[in-house]
Amino acid sequence: MSRSLCVLMVVLLVAACGGGSKSPPRNLDNACSIAKQRPDYIKAFKKTERKWGVPVHVQMATIYQESRYRSDARTPHKYVLGVLPMGRQSSAYGYSQALDGTWDQYKKETGNRRARRDRMRDASDFIGWYMAKSNSRNGIAMTDTRNQYLAYHDGHTGYARGTYRSKSWLLRTADQVAARGEMYRKQLNTCGRFKY
């Protein structure tokens, strides 16, 4: 086997194993572990907290629920007759699972034209922007992880109408997001320089 073929195989093997910043951190149940593995994430979350007022733990719990920290997360395919793929369930994409139209609105309103949904700093800023709107339009406190998530999922108008009340699965999910947010908050207060 030639030397160049061996080098190519090693490069492909390393790439296949992942581990880059695009792959999710290990141990998503530990905020300190996430912070240690991805300090750039924490830097983005803190910047968003300063800019929009959304606490780090609220952002982290939302991203966990939406994408499990996968930069390329997408909704599942829809199928015709149960076998023929026919597009995705929605245009949601990236860490924040932002829909195309909402993402375009975010870019226009913030002037962040080069923002990408698969880049954490942009996804974090999007969440801050969206939740700041939830605060001003629906009066949801920035620290209210549960209701911020409900508005994030059902939209500002849907939240105002109370559409989530008839979705028992969504209410359960929002409770889980709130519990994860509280877990992350407590953990972040124990991991040194990330305390707040």
N, C-alpha and C. Protein backbone atom coordinates (compact mmCIF):
# COMPACT_ATOMS: atom_id res chain seq x y z
N MET A 1 0.86 -1.17 0.00
CA MET A 1 0.00 0.00 0.00
C MET A 1 0.91 1.24 0.00
N SER A 2 0.57 2.20 -0.86
CA SER A 2 1.40 3.39 -0.96
C SER A 2 1.25 4.29 0.27
N ARG A 3 2.26 5.10 0.50
CA ARG A 3 2.26 6.01 1.66
C ARG A 3 1.09 7.00 1.58
N SER A 4 0.80 7.53 0.40
CA SER A 4 -0.29 8.51 0.26
C SER A 4 -1.65 7.85 0.52
N LEU A 5 -1.80 6.59 0.16
CA LEU A 5 -3.05 5.88 0.43
C LEU A 5 -3.22 5.66 1.94
N CYS A 6 -2.12 5.34 2.63
CA CYS A 6 -2.17 5.17 4.09
C CYS A 6 -2.56 6.48 4.77
N VAL A 7 -1.96 7.59 4.33
CA VAL A 7 -2.27 8.90 4.90
C VAL A 7 -3.74 9.23 4.67
N LEU A 8 -4.23 8.97 3.46
CA LEU A 8 -5.63 9.24 3.14
C LEU A 8 -6.56 8.41 4.03
N MET A 9 -6.23 7.14 4.26
CA MET A 9 -7.06 6.28 5.10
C MET A 9 -7.09 6.79 6.55
N VAL A 10 -5.95 7.24 7.05
CA VAL A 10 -5.89 7.77 8.42
C VAL A 10 -6.74 9.03 8.52
N VAL A 11 -6.63 9.93 7.54
CA VAL A 11 -7.42 11.17 7.54
C VAL A 11 -8.91 10.84 7.51
N LEU A 12 -9.32 9.91 6.67
CA LEU A 12 -10.73 9.52 6.59
C LEU A 12 -11.21 8.88 7.89
N LEU A 13 -10.37 8.05 8.50
CA LEU A 13 -10.73 7.42 9.76
C LEU A 13 -10.93 8.47 10.86
N VAL A 14 -10.02 9.43 10.95
CA VAL A 14 -10.13 10.49 11.95
C VAL A 14 -11.39 11.31 11.70
N ALA A 15 -11.65 11.64 10.44
CA ALA A 15 -12.86 12.42 10.11
C ALA A 15 -14.12 11.65 10.45
N ALA A 16 -14.12 10.35 10.21
CA ALA A 16 -15.30 9.52 10.49
C ALA A 16 -15.58 9.43 11.99
N CYS A 17 -14.55 9.55 12.80
CA CYS A 17 -14.74 9.46 14.25
C CYS A 17 -15.33 10.73 14.84
N GLY A 18 -15.40 11.77 14.06
CA GLY A 18 -16.00 13.01 14.56
C GLY A 18 -15.07 13.68 15.54
N GLY A 19 -15.67 14.28 16.57
CA GLY A 19 -14.86 14.92 17.59
C GLY A 19 -14.59 16.39 17.31
N GLY A 20 -14.93 16.85 16.10
CA GLY A 20 -14.73 18.25 15.79
C GLY A 20 -15.76 19.10 16.50
N SER A 21 -15.62 20.42 16.33
CA SER A 21 -16.54 21.33 17.01
C SER A 21 -17.96 21.23 16.46
N LYS A 22 -18.14 20.58 15.31
CA LYS A 22 -19.48 20.40 14.76
C LYS A 22 -20.22 19.25 15.43
N SER A 23 -19.47 18.33 16.03
CA SER A 23 -20.12 17.21 16.71
C SER A 23 -20.58 17.66 18.09
N PRO A 24 -21.66 17.05 18.60
CA PRO A 24 -22.15 17.46 19.93
C PRO A 24 -21.13 17.13 21.02
N PRO A 25 -21.11 17.93 22.06
CA PRO A 25 -20.25 17.60 23.20
C PRO A 25 -20.70 16.27 23.83
N ARG A 26 -19.79 15.62 24.51
CA ARG A 26 -20.16 14.42 25.25
C ARG A 26 -20.81 14.83 26.57
N ASN A 27 -21.61 13.98 27.12
CA ASN A 27 -22.26 14.19 28.42
C ASN A 27 -23.09 15.47 28.45
N LEU A 28 -24.16 15.48 27.69
CA LEU A 28 -25.04 16.65 27.60
C LEU A 28 -25.85 16.88 28.87
N ASP A 29 -25.72 15.98 29.84
CA ASP A 29 -26.40 16.16 31.12
C ASP A 29 -25.54 16.94 32.12
N ASN A 30 -24.38 17.40 31.69
CA ASN A 30 -23.47 18.11 32.58
C ASN A 30 -23.02 19.42 31.94
N ALA A 31 -23.56 20.54 32.42
CA ALA A 31 -23.25 21.85 31.86
C ALA A 31 -21.76 22.18 31.98
N CYS A 32 -21.12 21.76 33.06
CA CYS A 32 -19.69 22.03 33.23
C CYS A 32 -18.87 21.28 32.19
N SER A 33 -19.28 20.06 31.88
CA SER A 33 -18.61 19.28 30.86
C SER A 33 -18.76 19.95 29.48
N ILE A 34 -19.96 20.43 29.19
CA ILE A 34 -20.19 21.14 27.93
C ILE A 34 -19.30 22.38 27.87
N ALA A 35 -19.25 23.13 28.98
CA ALA A 35 -18.44 24.35 29.04
C ALA A 35 -16.96 24.05 28.84
N LYS A 36 -16.50 22.94 29.42
CA LYS A 36 -15.08 22.58 29.31
C LYS A 36 -14.75 22.15 27.88
N GLN A 37 -15.64 21.36 27.27
CA GLN A 37 -15.39 20.88 25.92
C GLN A 37 -15.56 21.96 24.85
N ARG A 38 -16.51 22.88 25.10
CA ARG A 38 -16.84 23.90 24.09
C ARG A 38 -16.87 25.30 24.72
N PRO A 39 -15.71 25.81 25.10
CA PRO A 39 -15.69 27.15 25.70
C PRO A 39 -16.25 28.22 24.76
N ASP A 40 -16.16 27.98 23.45
CA ASP A 40 -16.73 28.93 22.49
C ASP A 40 -18.26 28.99 22.61
N TYR A 41 -18.90 27.88 22.99
CA TYR A 41 -20.34 27.89 23.21
C TYR A 41 -20.69 28.80 24.39
N ILE A 42 -19.96 28.62 25.49
CA ILE A 42 -20.24 29.41 26.69
C ILE A 42 -19.98 30.89 26.41
N LYS A 43 -18.94 31.17 25.64
CA LYS A 43 -18.67 32.56 25.26
C LYS A 43 -19.86 33.14 24.49
N ALA A 44 -20.41 32.36 23.57
CA ALA A 44 -21.58 32.82 22.79
C ALA A 44 -22.79 33.00 23.69
N PHE A 45 -23.03 32.05 24.60
CA PHE A 45 -24.18 32.13 25.50
C PHE A 45 -24.09 33.37 26.40
N LYS A 46 -22.89 33.64 26.91
CA LYS A 46 -22.72 34.80 27.79
C LYS A 46 -22.90 36.11 27.01
N LYS A 47 -22.42 36.13 25.78
CA LYS A 47 -22.62 37.32 24.94
C LYS A 47 -24.11 37.57 24.70
N THR A 48 -24.84 36.50 24.42
CA THR A 48 -26.28 36.60 24.22
C THR A 48 -26.97 37.06 25.49
N GLU A 49 -26.53 36.54 26.63
CA GLU A 49 -27.12 36.94 27.90
C GLU A 49 -26.93 38.45 28.13
N ARG A 50 -25.73 38.94 27.83
CA ARG A 50 -25.46 40.38 27.99
C ARG A 50 -26.29 41.21 27.01
N LYS A 51 -26.41 40.75 25.80
CA LYS A 51 -27.10 41.51 24.74
C LYS A 51 -28.62 41.49 24.88
N TRP A 52 -29.19 40.30 25.12
CA TRP A 52 -30.65 40.14 25.11
C TRP A 52 -31.26 39.89 26.47
N GLY A 53 -30.45 39.48 27.45
CA GLY A 53 -30.98 39.22 28.79
C GLY A 53 -31.44 37.81 29.05
N VAL A 54 -31.20 36.89 28.12
CA VAL A 54 -31.62 35.49 28.29
C VAL A 54 -30.50 34.73 28.99
N PRO A 55 -30.75 34.19 30.18
CA PRO A 55 -29.70 33.50 30.93
C PRO A 55 -29.11 32.31 30.16
N VAL A 56 -27.85 32.05 30.44
CA VAL A 56 -27.13 30.96 29.78
C VAL A 56 -27.88 29.64 29.90
N HIS A 57 -28.37 29.31 31.11
CA HIS A 57 -29.01 28.01 31.31
C HIS A 57 -30.30 27.87 30.50
N VAL A 58 -31.00 28.96 30.27
CA VAL A 58 -32.23 28.92 29.46
C VAL A 58 -31.87 28.61 28.01
N GLN A 59 -30.82 29.26 27.52
CA GLN A 59 -30.36 28.98 26.15
C GLN A 59 -29.91 27.53 26.01
N MET A 60 -29.14 27.07 26.98
CA MET A 60 -28.60 25.71 26.91
C MET A 60 -29.70 24.66 26.90
N ALA A 61 -30.70 24.84 27.75
CA ALA A 61 -31.80 23.88 27.82
C ALA A 61 -32.61 23.88 26.53
N THR A 62 -32.79 25.06 25.94
CA THR A 62 -33.53 25.16 24.68
C THR A 62 -32.78 24.46 23.56
N ILE A 63 -31.48 24.70 23.47
CA ILE A 63 -30.68 24.06 22.42
C ILE A 63 -30.64 22.55 22.61
N TYR A 64 -30.55 22.11 23.86
CA TYR A 64 -30.60 20.66 24.10
C TYR A 64 -31.89 20.08 23.55
N GLN A 65 -33.02 20.70 23.87
CA GLN A 65 -34.30 20.18 23.44
C GLN A 65 -34.47 20.23 21.92
N GLU A 66 -34.00 21.29 21.32
CA GLU A 66 -34.21 21.48 19.89
C GLU A 66 -33.30 20.62 19.02
N SER A 67 -32.04 20.47 19.40
CA SER A 67 -31.10 19.80 18.49
C SER A 67 -30.15 18.82 19.15
N ARG A 68 -30.20 18.70 20.47
CA ARG A 68 -29.21 17.89 21.21
C ARG A 68 -27.80 18.33 20.83
N TYR A 69 -27.64 19.65 20.58
CA TYR A 69 -26.35 20.25 20.26
C TYR A 69 -25.77 19.75 18.93
N ARG A 70 -26.63 19.34 18.01
CA ARG A 70 -26.18 18.94 16.67
C ARG A 70 -26.32 20.14 15.73
N SER A 71 -25.23 20.54 15.11
CA SER A 71 -25.24 21.73 14.25
C SER A 71 -26.09 21.53 13.00
N ASP A 72 -26.21 20.29 12.56
CA ASP A 72 -26.94 20.00 11.31
C ASP A 72 -28.31 19.34 11.56
N ALA A 73 -28.85 19.53 12.74
CA ALA A 73 -30.13 18.89 13.08
C ALA A 73 -31.23 19.36 12.12
N ARG A 74 -32.05 18.42 11.72
CA ARG A 74 -33.21 18.70 10.85
C ARG A 74 -34.39 17.89 11.36
N THR A 75 -35.58 18.31 10.96
CA THR A 75 -36.76 17.54 11.32
C THR A 75 -36.80 16.26 10.46
N PRO A 76 -37.53 15.25 10.91
CA PRO A 76 -37.61 14.00 10.13
C PRO A 76 -38.30 14.22 8.78
N HIS A 77 -38.09 13.27 7.89
CA HIS A 77 -38.76 13.29 6.59
C HIS A 77 -40.25 12.97 6.73
N LYS A 78 -41.04 13.48 5.81
CA LYS A 78 -42.43 13.06 5.67
C LYS A 78 -42.43 11.96 4.62
N TYR A 79 -43.35 11.01 4.74
CA TYR A 79 -43.42 9.91 3.79
C TYR A 79 -44.81 9.77 3.21
N VAL A 80 -44.86 9.46 1.91
CA VAL A 80 -46.12 9.17 1.24
C VAL A 80 -46.26 7.65 1.23
N LEU A 81 -47.42 7.17 1.60
CA LEU A 81 -47.69 5.72 1.67
C LEU A 81 -46.73 5.01 2.62
N GLY A 82 -46.13 5.78 3.52
CA GLY A 82 -45.26 5.20 4.51
C GLY A 82 -43.87 4.82 4.03
N VAL A 83 -43.57 5.00 2.73
CA VAL A 83 -42.27 4.59 2.23
C VAL A 83 -41.56 5.61 1.34
N LEU A 84 -42.30 6.45 0.64
CA LEU A 84 -41.68 7.38 -0.29
C LEU A 84 -41.39 8.71 0.42
N PRO A 85 -40.10 9.08 0.55
CA PRO A 85 -39.78 10.33 1.22
C PRO A 85 -40.30 11.53 0.42
N MET A 86 -40.90 12.49 1.14
CA MET A 86 -41.47 13.66 0.48
C MET A 86 -41.14 14.91 1.28
N GLY A 87 -39.87 15.25 1.36
CA GLY A 87 -39.47 16.46 2.06
C GLY A 87 -39.43 16.30 3.58
N ARG A 88 -39.10 17.37 4.22
CA ARG A 88 -39.01 17.39 5.69
C ARG A 88 -40.33 17.84 6.30
N GLN A 89 -40.50 17.56 7.59
CA GLN A 89 -41.72 17.99 8.29
C GLN A 89 -41.80 19.50 8.39
N SER A 90 -40.65 20.17 8.45
CA SER A 90 -40.61 21.64 8.45
C SER A 90 -39.23 22.07 7.99
N SER A 91 -39.04 23.38 7.87
CA SER A 91 -37.75 23.91 7.44
C SER A 91 -36.79 24.12 8.62
N ALA A 92 -37.16 23.68 9.82
CA ALA A 92 -36.31 23.86 11.00
C ALA A 92 -34.94 23.23 10.76
N TYR A 93 -33.90 23.97 11.16
CA TYR A 93 -32.54 23.51 10.91
C TYR A 93 -31.59 24.08 11.95
N GLY A 94 -30.54 23.33 12.23
CA GLY A 94 -29.43 23.80 13.04
C GLY A 94 -29.65 23.67 14.54
N TYR A 95 -28.73 24.27 15.29
CA TYR A 95 -28.76 24.19 16.75
C TYR A 95 -30.09 24.66 17.32
N SER A 96 -30.61 25.76 16.79
CA SER A 96 -31.82 26.37 17.35
C SER A 96 -33.10 25.88 16.70
N GLN A 97 -32.98 25.08 15.64
CA GLN A 97 -34.14 24.59 14.88
C GLN A 97 -35.02 25.75 14.41
N ALA A 98 -34.40 26.83 14.01
CA ALA A 98 -35.13 27.98 13.50
C ALA A 98 -35.71 27.66 12.13
N LEU A 99 -36.95 28.09 11.91
CA LEU A 99 -37.60 27.93 10.61
C LEU A 99 -37.06 28.96 9.63
N ASP A 100 -37.12 28.65 8.35
CA ASP A 100 -36.59 29.55 7.32
C ASP A 100 -37.11 30.97 7.46
N GLY A 101 -38.44 31.13 7.55
CA GLY A 101 -39.04 32.46 7.61
C GLY A 101 -38.63 33.24 8.84
N THR A 102 -38.58 32.57 9.99
CA THR A 102 -38.21 33.23 11.24
C THR A 102 -36.73 33.61 11.21
N TRP A 103 -35.92 32.72 10.64
CA TRP A 103 -34.48 33.02 10.52
C TRP A 103 -34.27 34.22 9.61
N ASP A 104 -34.99 34.28 8.51
CA ASP A 104 -34.87 35.43 7.61
C ASP A 104 -35.28 36.73 8.31
N GLN A 105 -36.34 36.66 9.11
CA GLN A 105 -36.80 37.83 9.87
C GLN A 105 -35.71 38.26 10.87
N TYR A 106 -35.11 37.30 11.55
CA TYR A 106 -34.03 37.58 12.49
C TYR A 106 -32.87 38.29 11.78
N LYS A 107 -32.44 37.75 10.65
CA LYS A 107 -31.31 38.35 9.93
C LYS A 107 -31.63 39.78 9.49
N LYS A 108 -32.85 39.97 9.03
CA LYS A 108 -33.26 41.31 8.57
C LYS A 108 -33.31 42.30 9.73
N GLU A 109 -33.95 41.90 10.83
CA GLU A 109 -34.12 42.81 11.97
C GLU A 109 -32.82 43.11 12.70
N THR A 110 -31.92 42.16 12.73
CA THR A 110 -30.66 42.37 13.47
C THR A 110 -29.53 42.86 12.57
N GLY A 111 -29.72 42.79 11.26
CA GLY A 111 -28.66 43.16 10.33
C GLY A 111 -27.56 42.12 10.26
N ASN A 112 -27.78 40.96 10.85
CA ASN A 112 -26.80 39.87 10.87
C ASN A 112 -27.01 39.00 9.63
N ARG A 113 -26.75 39.57 8.47
CA ARG A 113 -27.04 38.93 7.18
C ARG A 113 -26.24 37.66 6.93
N ARG A 114 -25.09 37.54 7.56
CA ARG A 114 -24.24 36.37 7.33
C ARG A 114 -24.46 35.27 8.37
N ALA A 115 -25.47 35.43 9.20
CA ALA A 115 -25.74 34.45 10.26
C ALA A 115 -26.06 33.09 9.65
N ARG A 116 -25.60 32.05 10.36
CA ARG A 116 -25.85 30.68 9.92
C ARG A 116 -26.42 29.87 11.07
N ARG A 117 -27.41 29.06 10.76
CA ARG A 117 -28.07 28.27 11.79
C ARG A 117 -27.20 27.16 12.33
N ASP A 118 -26.15 26.78 11.60
CA ASP A 118 -25.25 25.72 12.07
C ASP A 118 -24.01 26.29 12.77
N ARG A 119 -24.06 27.56 13.13
CA ARG A 119 -22.98 28.20 13.89
C ARG A 119 -23.55 28.61 15.25
N MET A 120 -22.93 28.15 16.32
CA MET A 120 -23.49 28.32 17.66
C MET A 120 -23.68 29.79 18.03
N ARG A 121 -22.73 30.64 17.72
CA ARG A 121 -22.88 32.04 18.14
C ARG A 121 -24.10 32.67 17.49
N ASP A 122 -24.42 32.29 16.26
CA ASP A 122 -25.60 32.82 15.59
C ASP A 122 -26.88 32.19 16.14
N ALA A 123 -26.84 30.89 16.40
CA ALA A 123 -28.01 30.21 16.96
C ALA A 123 -28.34 30.77 18.34
N SER A 124 -27.32 31.01 19.14
CA SER A 124 -27.51 31.58 20.47
C SER A 124 -28.11 32.98 20.38
N ASP A 125 -27.58 33.80 19.47
CA ASP A 125 -28.08 35.15 19.29
C ASP A 125 -29.53 35.12 18.82
N PHE A 126 -29.84 34.18 17.94
CA PHE A 126 -31.23 34.02 17.47
C PHE A 126 -32.16 33.73 18.64
N ILE A 127 -31.76 32.81 19.50
CA ILE A 127 -32.59 32.47 20.66
C ILE A 127 -32.78 33.70 21.55
N GLY A 128 -31.71 34.45 21.76
CA GLY A 128 -31.82 35.68 22.55
C GLY A 128 -32.80 36.66 21.93
N TRP A 129 -32.68 36.87 20.63
CA TRP A 129 -33.57 37.78 19.89
C TRP A 129 -35.02 37.32 20.02
N TYR A 130 -35.24 36.02 19.81
CA TYR A 130 -36.61 35.48 19.83
C TYR A 130 -37.22 35.59 21.23
N MET A 131 -36.44 35.24 22.24
CA MET A 131 -36.96 35.26 23.60
C MET A 131 -37.15 36.68 24.12
N ALA A 132 -36.34 37.62 23.64
CA ALA A 132 -36.56 39.03 23.99
C ALA A 132 -37.91 39.49 23.42
N LYS A 133 -38.26 39.00 22.23
CA LYS A 133 -39.58 39.31 21.65
C LYS A 133 -40.69 38.66 22.48
N SER A 134 -40.45 37.45 22.96
CA SER A 134 -41.44 36.77 23.81
C SER A 134 -41.67 37.57 25.09
N ASN A 135 -40.60 38.16 25.59
CA ASN A 135 -40.70 38.99 26.79
C ASN A 135 -41.51 40.26 26.50
N SER A 136 -41.21 40.93 25.40
CA SER A 136 -41.90 42.20 25.13
C SER A 136 -43.33 41.98 24.63
N ARG A 137 -43.56 40.93 23.85
CA ARG A 137 -44.90 40.70 23.28
C ARG A 137 -45.84 39.96 24.23
N ASN A 138 -45.29 39.02 24.99
CA ASN A 138 -46.13 38.16 25.83
C ASN A 138 -45.83 38.28 27.32
N GLY A 139 -44.89 39.13 27.68
CA GLY A 139 -44.58 39.36 29.09
C GLY A 139 -43.92 38.19 29.79
N ILE A 140 -43.25 37.33 29.04
CA ILE A 140 -42.60 36.15 29.64
C ILE A 140 -41.23 36.56 30.17
N ALA A 141 -41.01 36.32 31.45
CA ALA A 141 -39.72 36.64 32.06
C ALA A 141 -38.60 35.87 31.37
N MET A 142 -37.45 36.50 31.25
CA MET A 142 -36.30 35.86 30.61
C MET A 142 -35.86 34.62 31.37
N THR A 143 -36.12 34.56 32.65
CA THR A 143 -35.72 33.42 33.47
C THR A 143 -36.76 32.30 33.49
N ASP A 144 -37.91 32.51 32.85
CA ASP A 144 -39.00 31.53 32.84
C ASP A 144 -38.79 30.54 31.69
N THR A 145 -37.94 29.56 31.94
CA THR A 145 -37.55 28.61 30.90
C THR A 145 -38.77 27.92 30.29
N ARG A 146 -39.70 27.50 31.12
CA ARG A 146 -40.87 26.75 30.65
C ARG A 146 -41.70 27.56 29.66
N ASN A 147 -42.10 28.75 30.05
CA ASN A 147 -42.96 29.55 29.17
C ASN A 147 -42.20 30.13 27.98
N GLN A 148 -40.91 30.43 28.17
CA GLN A 148 -40.11 30.85 27.02
C GLN A 148 -40.07 29.73 25.98
N TYR A 149 -39.93 28.49 26.46
CA TYR A 149 -39.90 27.37 25.51
C TYR A 149 -41.26 27.20 24.82
N LEU A 150 -42.34 27.33 25.57
CA LEU A 150 -43.67 27.20 24.95
C LEU A 150 -43.86 28.24 23.84
N ALA A 151 -43.45 29.48 24.09
CA ALA A 151 -43.55 30.52 23.07
C ALA A 151 -42.59 30.26 21.91
N TYR A 152 -41.43 29.70 22.22
CA TYR A 152 -40.44 29.36 21.19
C TYR A 152 -41.03 28.30 20.27
N HIS A 153 -41.70 27.34 20.84
CA HIS A 153 -42.25 26.24 20.06
C HIS A 153 -43.51 26.64 19.29
N ASP A 154 -44.45 27.30 19.96
CA ASP A 154 -45.74 27.60 19.34
C ASP A 154 -45.82 28.98 18.68
N GLY A 155 -44.76 29.76 18.80
CA GLY A 155 -44.76 31.10 18.21
C GLY A 155 -45.42 32.11 19.13
N HIS A 156 -45.14 33.38 18.90
CA HIS A 156 -45.66 34.43 19.77
C HIS A 156 -47.18 34.50 19.72
N THR A 157 -47.75 34.41 18.53
CA THR A 157 -49.21 34.46 18.39
C THR A 157 -49.85 33.22 18.99
N GLY A 158 -49.28 32.06 18.70
CA GLY A 158 -49.81 30.82 19.25
C GLY A 158 -49.77 30.81 20.77
N TYR A 159 -48.67 31.31 21.32
CA TYR A 159 -48.56 31.38 22.78
C TYR A 159 -49.64 32.31 23.34
N ALA A 160 -49.81 33.46 22.71
CA ALA A 160 -50.81 34.43 23.19
C ALA A 160 -52.21 33.84 23.14
N ARG A 161 -52.47 33.00 22.16
CA ARG A 161 -53.78 32.35 22.04
C ARG A 161 -53.92 31.15 22.96
N GLY A 162 -52.81 30.67 23.50
CA GLY A 162 -52.84 29.51 24.39
C GLY A 162 -52.94 28.19 23.67
N THR A 163 -52.42 28.13 22.43
CA THR A 163 -52.50 26.89 21.64
C THR A 163 -51.83 25.71 22.32
N TYR A 164 -50.81 26.01 23.13
CA TYR A 164 -50.06 24.94 23.80
C TYR A 164 -50.90 24.20 24.84
N ARG A 165 -51.97 24.84 25.33
CA ARG A 165 -52.77 24.23 26.40
C ARG A 165 -53.44 22.93 25.97
N SER A 166 -53.69 22.76 24.70
CA SER A 166 -54.34 21.53 24.21
C SER A 166 -53.31 20.48 23.77
N LYS A 167 -52.05 20.74 24.01
CA LYS A 167 -50.98 19.82 23.59
C LYS A 167 -50.29 19.26 24.83
N SER A 168 -50.83 18.17 25.33
CA SER A 168 -50.27 17.60 26.56
C SER A 168 -48.81 17.20 26.38
N TRP A 169 -48.44 16.71 25.21
CA TRP A 169 -47.06 16.32 24.94
C TRP A 169 -46.13 17.54 25.02
N LEU A 170 -46.60 18.69 24.54
CA LEU A 170 -45.78 19.90 24.57
C LEU A 170 -45.63 20.42 26.00
N LEU A 171 -46.69 20.33 26.77
CA LEU A 171 -46.61 20.75 28.17
C LEU A 171 -45.61 19.89 28.94
N ARG A 172 -45.62 18.58 28.67
CA ARG A 172 -44.64 17.68 29.30
C ARG A 172 -43.22 18.05 28.86
N THR A 173 -43.06 18.32 27.56
CA THR A 173 -41.75 18.70 27.05
C THR A 173 -41.26 19.99 27.68
N ALA A 174 -42.15 20.97 27.79
CA ALA A 174 -41.77 22.26 28.41
C ALA A 174 -41.35 22.07 29.86
N ASP A 175 -42.02 21.15 30.57
CA ASP A 175 -41.62 20.85 31.95
C ASP A 175 -40.21 20.24 31.97
N GLN A 176 -39.92 19.38 31.00
CA GLN A 176 -38.60 18.76 30.92
C GLN A 176 -37.53 19.80 30.60
N VAL A 177 -37.85 20.73 29.70
CA VAL A 177 -36.91 21.79 29.36
C VAL A 177 -36.64 22.65 30.59
N ALA A 178 -37.69 22.99 31.34
CA ALA A 178 -37.53 23.78 32.56
C ALA A 178 -36.66 23.05 33.59
N ALA A 179 -36.89 21.75 33.74
CA ALA A 179 -36.09 20.96 34.69
C ALA A 179 -34.62 20.92 34.26
N ARG A 180 -34.39 20.75 32.97
CA ARG A 180 -33.02 20.73 32.46
C ARG A 180 -32.37 22.10 32.66
N GLY A 181 -33.12 23.15 32.42
CA GLY A 181 -32.59 24.49 32.63
C GLY A 181 -32.16 24.71 34.07
N GLU A 182 -32.99 24.25 35.00
CA GLU A 182 -32.65 24.39 36.42
C GLU A 182 -31.43 23.54 36.77
N MET A 183 -31.35 22.35 36.20
CA MET A 183 -30.19 21.49 36.42
C MET A 183 -28.93 22.18 35.89
N TYR A 184 -28.99 22.72 34.68
CA TYR A 184 -27.84 23.43 34.11
C TYR A 184 -27.48 24.65 34.96
N ARG A 185 -28.47 25.39 35.45
CA ARG A 185 -28.21 26.58 36.26
C ARG A 185 -27.40 26.20 37.50
N LYS A 186 -27.85 25.16 38.19
CA LYS A 186 -27.16 24.71 39.40
C LYS A 186 -25.75 24.23 39.07
N GLN A 187 -25.60 23.49 37.99
CA GLN A 187 -24.29 22.98 37.61
C GLN A 187 -23.33 24.12 37.26
N LEU A 188 -23.82 25.09 36.50
CA LEU A 188 -22.97 26.21 36.09
C LEU A 188 -22.47 27.00 37.29
N ASN A 189 -23.24 27.01 38.36
CA ASN A 189 -22.82 27.72 39.58
C ASN A 189 -21.71 26.99 40.33
N THR A 190 -21.40 25.76 39.90
CA THR A 190 -20.35 24.99 40.56
C THR A 190 -19.10 24.85 39.73
N CYS A 191 -19.11 25.32 38.48
CA CYS A 191 -17.94 25.04 37.63
C CYS A 191 -17.07 26.27 37.42
N GLY A 192 -16.52 26.74 38.51
CA GLY A 192 -15.47 27.76 38.49
C GLY A 192 -15.81 29.04 37.76
N ARG A 193 -15.06 29.33 36.71
CA ARG A 193 -15.16 30.62 36.05
C ARG A 193 -16.48 30.83 35.34
N PHE A 194 -17.32 29.79 35.25
CA PHE A 194 -18.61 29.93 34.59
C PHE A 194 -19.71 30.30 35.55
N LYS A 195 -19.39 30.49 36.84
CA LYS A 195 -20.40 30.87 37.82
C LYS A 195 -21.05 32.19 37.45
N TYR A 196 -22.33 32.31 37.84
CA TYR A 196 -23.00 33.61 37.71
C TYR A 196 -24.03 33.77 38.77
